[in-house]
Amino acid sequence: MKPSEFKAWRKLMKMTQKDAASALGLKSRIIQYYEKGERNGEKFAIPKAIELACYALTLGVESYSGPELDKKKAKKK
């Protein structure tokens, strides 16, 4: 995910930088780094986990507890 794509995602979600930080479990300053693409003059990449979290939030997923077990399969084990 590129910095411009991250910022576009945040704006699409109608989030402030503070809102996005809260939703992603990050500090606001990190959101600024993601949107700028650098920190202290050095490139700052957006981790794949954050990219996937953005996607999940877009779909309305706010938390995940792992796969649901099929009740029939769970009884056999």
C-alpha atoms as a PDB file:
ATOM      1  CA  MET A   1       0.000   0.000   0.000  1.00  0.00           C
ATOM      2  CA  LYS A   2       1.392   3.354  -1.006  1.00  0.00           C
ATOM      3  CA  PRO A   3       1.153   6.436   1.238  1.00  0.00           C
ATOM      4  CA  SER A   4      -1.331   8.066  -1.159  1.00  0.00           C
ATOM      5  CA  GLU A   5      -3.482   4.910  -1.098  1.00  0.00           C
ATOM      6  CA  PHE A   6      -3.442   4.857   2.694  1.00  0.00           C
ATOM      7  CA  LYS A   7      -4.551   8.492   2.867  1.00  0.00           C
ATOM      8  CA  ALA A   8      -7.257   7.850   0.251  1.00  0.00           C
ATOM      9  CA  TRP A   9      -8.483   4.887   2.335  1.00  0.00           C
ATOM     10  CA  ARG A  10      -8.654   7.029   5.477  1.00  0.00           C
ATOM     11  CA  LYS A  11     -10.580   9.754   3.687  1.00  0.00           C
ATOM     12  CA  LEU A  12     -12.920   7.192   2.081  1.00  0.00           C
ATOM     13  CA  MET A  13     -13.649   5.872   5.571  1.00  0.00           C
ATOM     14  CA  LYS A  14     -14.303   9.474   6.701  1.00  0.00           C
ATOM     15  CA  MET A  15     -11.719   9.138   9.461  1.00  0.00           C
ATOM     16  CA  THR A  16      -9.411  11.724  10.932  1.00  0.00           C
ATOM     17  CA  GLN A  17      -5.825  10.661  11.514  1.00  0.00           C
ATOM     18  CA  LYS A  18      -6.751  10.210  15.175  1.00  0.00           C
ATOM     19  CA  ASP A  19      -9.744   8.016  14.240  1.00  0.00           C
ATOM     20  CA  ALA A  20      -7.607   5.874  11.942  1.00  0.00           C
ATOM     21  CA  ALA A  21      -4.951   5.488  14.632  1.00  0.00           C
ATOM     22  CA  SER A  22      -7.558   4.362  17.135  1.00  0.00           C
ATOM     23  CA  ALA A  23      -9.188   1.918  14.693  1.00  0.00           C
ATOM     24  CA  LEU A  24      -5.800   0.399  13.799  1.00  0.00           C
ATOM     25  CA  GLY A  25      -4.416   0.382  17.351  1.00  0.00           C
ATOM     26  CA  LEU A  26      -1.651   2.852  16.505  1.00  0.00           C
ATOM     27  CA  LYS A  27      -0.454   6.257  17.625  1.00  0.00           C
ATOM     28  CA  SER A  28      -1.496   9.262  15.534  1.00  0.00           C
ATOM     29  CA  ARG A  29       2.120   9.978  14.670  1.00  0.00           C
ATOM     30  CA  ILE A  30       2.401   6.607  12.913  1.00  0.00           C
ATOM     31  CA  ILE A  31      -0.548   7.532  10.696  1.00  0.00           C
ATOM     32  CA  GLN A  32       1.330  10.694   9.724  1.00  0.00           C
ATOM     33  CA  TYR A  33       4.383   8.593   8.805  1.00  0.00           C
ATOM     34  CA  TYR A  34       2.229   6.246   6.699  1.00  0.00           C
ATOM     35  CA  GLU A  35       0.672   9.139   4.819  1.00  0.00           C
ATOM     36  CA  LYS A  36       3.985  10.884   4.233  1.00  0.00           C
ATOM     37  CA  GLY A  37       5.853   7.657   3.445  1.00  0.00           C
ATOM     38  CA  GLU A  38       8.820   8.675   5.524  1.00  0.00           C
ATOM     39  CA  ARG A  39      10.036   9.235   9.053  1.00  0.00           C
ATOM     40  CA  ASN A  40      12.914  11.572   9.857  1.00  0.00           C
ATOM     41  CA  GLY A  41      13.807  11.708   6.161  1.00  0.00           C
ATOM     42  CA  GLU A  42      13.912   7.930   5.734  1.00  0.00           C
ATOM     43  CA  LYS A  43      11.394   5.782   3.871  1.00  0.00           C
ATOM     44  CA  PHE A  44       8.698   4.364   6.111  1.00  0.00           C
ATOM     45  CA  ALA A  45       6.783   1.402   4.686  1.00  0.00           C
ATOM     46  CA  ILE A  46       3.230   0.469   5.582  1.00  0.00           C
ATOM     47  CA  PRO A  47       3.294  -3.104   6.944  1.00  0.00           C
ATOM     48  CA  LYS A  48       1.194  -5.775   5.230  1.00  0.00           C
ATOM     49  CA  ALA A  49      -0.692  -6.304   8.513  1.00  0.00           C
ATOM     50  CA  ILE A  50      -1.845  -2.673   8.454  1.00  0.00           C
ATOM     51  CA  GLU A  51      -2.838  -2.977   4.808  1.00  0.00           C
ATOM     52  CA  LEU A  52      -4.942  -6.039   5.658  1.00  0.00           C
ATOM     53  CA  ALA A  53      -6.424  -4.313   8.712  1.00  0.00           C
ATOM     54  CA  CYS A  54      -7.488  -1.401   6.487  1.00  0.00           C
ATOM     55  CA  TYR A  55      -9.177  -3.867   4.154  1.00  0.00           C
ATOM     56  CA  ALA A  56     -10.958  -5.565   7.053  1.00  0.00           C
ATOM     57  CA  LEU A  57     -12.183  -2.226   8.403  1.00  0.00           C
ATOM     58  CA  THR A  58     -13.467  -1.347   4.929  1.00  0.00           C
ATOM     59  CA  LEU A  59     -15.554  -4.537   5.063  1.00  0.00           C
ATOM     60  CA  GLY A  60     -16.859  -3.642   8.526  1.00  0.00           C
ATOM     61  CA  VAL A  61     -14.732  -6.144  10.441  1.00  0.00           C
ATOM     62  CA  GLU A  62     -13.619  -4.501  13.676  1.00  0.00           C
ATOM     63  CA  SER A  63     -12.313  -7.562  15.519  1.00  0.00           C
ATOM     64  CA  TYR A  64     -11.428 -11.167  14.702  1.00  0.00           C
ATOM     65  CA  SER A  65     -11.305 -14.142  17.036  1.00  0.00           C
ATOM     66  CA  GLY A  66     -10.126 -16.778  14.594  1.00  0.00           C
ATOM     67  CA  PRO A  67     -12.106 -19.183  12.430  1.00  0.00           C
ATOM     68  CA  GLU A  68     -15.402 -20.520  13.681  1.00  0.00           C
ATOM     69  CA  LEU A  69     -15.272 -24.255  14.167  1.00  0.00           C
ATOM     70  CA  ASP A  70     -17.835 -26.405  12.422  1.00  0.00           C
ATOM     71  CA  LYS A  71     -19.823 -27.803  15.366  1.00  0.00           C
ATOM     72  CA  LYS A  72     -19.983 -31.311  13.861  1.00  0.00           C
ATOM     73  CA  LYS A  73     -16.223 -31.428  13.334  1.00  0.00           C
ATOM     74  CA  ALA A  74     -15.585 -30.046  16.824  1.00  0.00           C
ATOM     75  CA  LYS A  75     -17.652 -32.851  18.420  1.00  0.00           C
ATOM     76  CA  LYS A  76     -15.647 -35.546  16.589  1.00  0.00           C
ATOM     77  CA  LYS A  77     -12.324 -34.277  17.951  1.00  0.00           C
END
